[in-house]
Amino acid sequence: MQPAEFMGNALDFAPEVRASRTVSMLANYPSAVVHEADIAAVAAKALTTDGHGGRAYPLTGPEALTPAQRTRLLAEATGEPITFVQLSEEAERERLRGYGYDEDYVEFGIQLATNPPGAADTILPTVEEVTGRPARTFAQWASQHADQFRAAP
């Protein structure tokens, strides 16, 4: 399997969302994030049916969404306001340092945010071709994980 960015990476936003109802980052490019269950479904087919030996499967979700669009979908799924905050490079460095990342990783994060992979927004039909059903959307993922993003009562 060769998945692109996982939808589950959005769980990294959950503490900030619960604390301040925001998602803050520098990156603003669209990415065709893939649902982890789709990765598992493709893997299961590849491992249990004939004709997959030696094949590589690049995987994406069915849509390319920016972080702001994913934030909007999280807000819809939770039924609570969540705002996307576009960070400057310096603010992004501070955010990444706040996670305890070393300077090499911080610079990697800045480079990724400012020079995204050329194929980040490419949508591939692989999930449907292998499994026979469409790839899951980020809205579906957000609905499944909404409780992790809701404000504490």
Protein backbone atom coordinates (compact mmCIF):
# COMPACT_ATOMS: atom_id res chain seq x y z
CA MET A 1 0.00 0.00 0.00
CA GLN A 2 1.16 3.50 -0.73
CA PRO A 3 -1.26 5.79 1.08
CA ALA A 4 -0.99 9.55 0.87
CA GLU A 5 -1.84 11.57 3.96
CA PHE A 6 -4.16 9.79 6.40
CA MET A 7 -7.45 11.29 7.53
CA GLY A 8 -6.51 10.13 11.02
CA ASN A 9 -3.76 12.76 11.10
CA ALA A 10 -6.57 15.21 11.86
CA LEU A 11 -6.73 13.69 15.35
CA ASP A 12 -3.61 15.77 16.04
CA PHE A 13 -5.94 18.80 15.92
CA ALA A 14 -8.29 17.44 18.60
CA PRO A 15 -6.60 18.92 21.71
CA GLU A 16 -6.47 22.40 20.14
CA VAL A 17 -10.05 22.11 18.89
CA ARG A 18 -11.33 21.06 22.31
CA ALA A 19 -9.35 23.83 24.04
CA SER A 20 -9.89 26.78 21.70
CA ARG A 21 -12.27 25.68 18.89
CA THR A 22 -9.50 26.35 16.35
CA VAL A 23 -7.23 24.46 13.97
CA SER A 24 -3.99 26.41 13.50
CA MET A 25 -1.30 25.68 10.93
CA LEU A 26 0.78 27.10 8.13
CA ALA A 27 -0.17 24.58 5.44
CA ASN A 28 -3.07 25.61 3.23
CA TYR A 29 -2.76 23.30 0.23
CA PRO A 30 -5.39 20.74 -0.77
CA SER A 31 -4.59 17.12 0.00
CA ALA A 32 -6.45 13.96 -1.03
CA VAL A 33 -6.37 12.43 2.45
CA VAL A 34 -7.30 8.76 2.70
CA HIS A 35 -9.45 7.02 5.33
CA GLU A 36 -7.60 4.36 7.32
CA ALA A 37 -10.46 1.90 6.74
CA ASP A 38 -9.90 2.24 2.99
CA ILE A 39 -6.23 1.39 3.44
CA ALA A 40 -7.28 -1.68 5.42
CA ALA A 41 -9.89 -2.67 2.82
CA VAL A 42 -7.38 -2.49 -0.03
CA ALA A 43 -4.83 -4.43 2.02
CA ALA A 44 -7.41 -7.11 2.84
CA LYS A 45 -8.32 -7.54 -0.85
CA ALA A 46 -4.66 -7.62 -1.87
CA LEU A 47 -3.87 -10.26 0.75
CA THR A 48 -6.92 -12.48 0.28
CA THR A 49 -7.63 -12.46 -3.46
CA ASP A 50 -5.58 -13.45 -6.49
CA GLY A 51 -3.91 -11.07 -8.91
CA HIS A 52 -2.27 -8.65 -6.52
CA GLY A 53 1.21 -10.14 -6.20
CA GLY A 54 3.98 -7.64 -6.79
CA ARG A 55 1.57 -4.74 -7.29
CA ALA A 56 1.79 -1.39 -5.54
CA TYR A 57 -1.35 0.57 -4.79
CA PRO A 58 -1.09 4.33 -4.35
CA LEU A 59 -4.11 5.34 -2.28
CA THR A 60 -5.98 8.61 -1.86
CA GLY A 61 -9.34 9.77 -0.70
CA PRO A 62 -12.07 10.85 -3.15
CA GLU A 63 -11.49 14.60 -2.77
CA ALA A 64 -8.65 17.05 -2.25
CA LEU A 65 -9.41 19.37 0.66
CA THR A 66 -7.49 22.22 2.24
CA PRO A 67 -7.03 22.30 6.02
CA ALA A 68 -9.66 25.06 6.15
CA GLN A 69 -12.15 22.84 4.30
CA ARG A 70 -11.41 19.92 6.63
CA THR A 71 -11.91 22.27 9.59
CA ARG A 72 -15.33 23.25 8.22
CA LEU A 73 -16.28 19.56 7.89
CA LEU A 74 -15.16 18.91 11.47
CA ALA A 75 -17.35 21.81 12.61
CA GLU A 76 -20.32 20.39 10.71
CA ALA A 77 -19.73 16.92 12.18
CA THR A 78 -19.50 18.19 15.76
CA GLY A 79 -22.27 20.74 15.41
CA GLU A 80 -19.92 23.25 17.07
CA PRO A 81 -17.99 26.20 15.63
CA ILE A 82 -14.37 25.51 14.73
CA THR A 83 -12.24 28.16 13.04
CA PHE A 84 -9.20 27.62 10.83
CA VAL A 85 -6.28 29.91 11.73
CA GLN A 86 -3.63 30.45 9.05
CA LEU A 87 -0.24 30.69 10.80
CA SER A 88 2.88 32.54 9.70
CA GLU A 89 6.08 30.57 9.25
CA GLU A 90 7.37 31.74 12.64
CA ALA A 91 4.12 30.85 14.39
CA GLU A 92 4.23 27.41 12.74
CA ARG A 93 7.79 26.93 13.98
CA GLU A 94 6.61 27.74 17.51
CA ARG A 95 3.65 25.39 17.18
CA LEU A 96 5.90 22.53 16.06
CA ARG A 97 8.46 23.27 18.78
CA GLY A 98 5.58 23.15 21.26
CA TYR A 99 5.14 19.47 20.37
CA GLY A 100 8.77 18.91 21.32
CA TYR A 101 10.05 18.45 17.79
CA ASP A 102 13.73 19.10 17.15
CA GLU A 103 14.84 21.86 14.76
CA ASP A 104 15.39 19.46 11.84
CA TYR A 105 11.80 18.26 12.07
CA VAL A 106 10.53 21.83 12.51
CA GLU A 107 12.26 22.85 9.28
CA PHE A 108 10.92 19.73 7.56
CA GLY A 109 7.42 20.80 8.62
CA ILE A 110 7.96 24.31 7.27
CA GLN A 111 9.22 22.95 3.95
CA LEU A 112 6.29 20.56 3.67
CA ALA A 113 3.81 23.37 4.40
CA THR A 114 5.38 25.82 1.95
CA ASN A 115 6.40 23.34 -0.77
CA PRO A 116 3.80 20.55 -0.67
CA PRO A 117 4.24 17.36 -2.66
CA GLY A 118 3.19 17.94 -6.25
CA ALA A 119 0.71 15.06 -6.14
CA ALA A 120 -0.90 16.01 -2.81
CA ASP A 121 -4.13 17.02 -4.54
CA THR A 122 -4.19 14.16 -7.04
CA ILE A 123 -7.24 11.95 -6.61
CA LEU A 124 -6.77 8.32 -7.58
CA PRO A 125 -9.51 5.71 -8.16
CA THR A 126 -7.48 2.90 -6.57
CA VAL A 127 -9.73 2.25 -3.56
CA GLU A 128 -12.79 1.74 -5.75
CA GLU A 129 -10.88 -0.25 -8.38
CA VAL A 130 -9.56 -2.71 -5.79
CA THR A 131 -12.51 -2.91 -3.37
CA GLY A 132 -15.45 -2.27 -5.69
CA ARG A 133 -16.77 0.61 -3.56
CA PRO A 134 -15.97 4.33 -3.45
CA ALA A 135 -13.37 5.70 -1.09
CA ARG A 136 -14.73 7.22 2.12
CA THR A 137 -14.96 11.00 2.37
CA PHE A 138 -13.48 13.24 5.03
CA ALA A 139 -17.02 14.16 6.06
CA GLN A 140 -17.65 10.48 6.84
CA TRP A 141 -14.41 10.30 8.83
CA ALA A 142 -15.27 13.49 10.71
CA SER A 143 -18.71 12.14 11.59
CA GLN A 144 -17.16 8.92 12.92
CA HIS A 145 -14.68 10.86 15.10
CA ALA A 146 -16.77 13.91 16.05
CA ASP A 147 -16.81 13.11 19.76
CA GLN A 148 -13.03 13.51 19.92
CA PHE A 149 -13.37 17.12 18.72
CA ARG A 150 -16.32 18.26 20.82
CA ALA A 151 -15.83 20.74 23.63
CA ALA A 152 -15.96 19.25 27.10
CA PRO A 153 -19.41 19.63 28.72
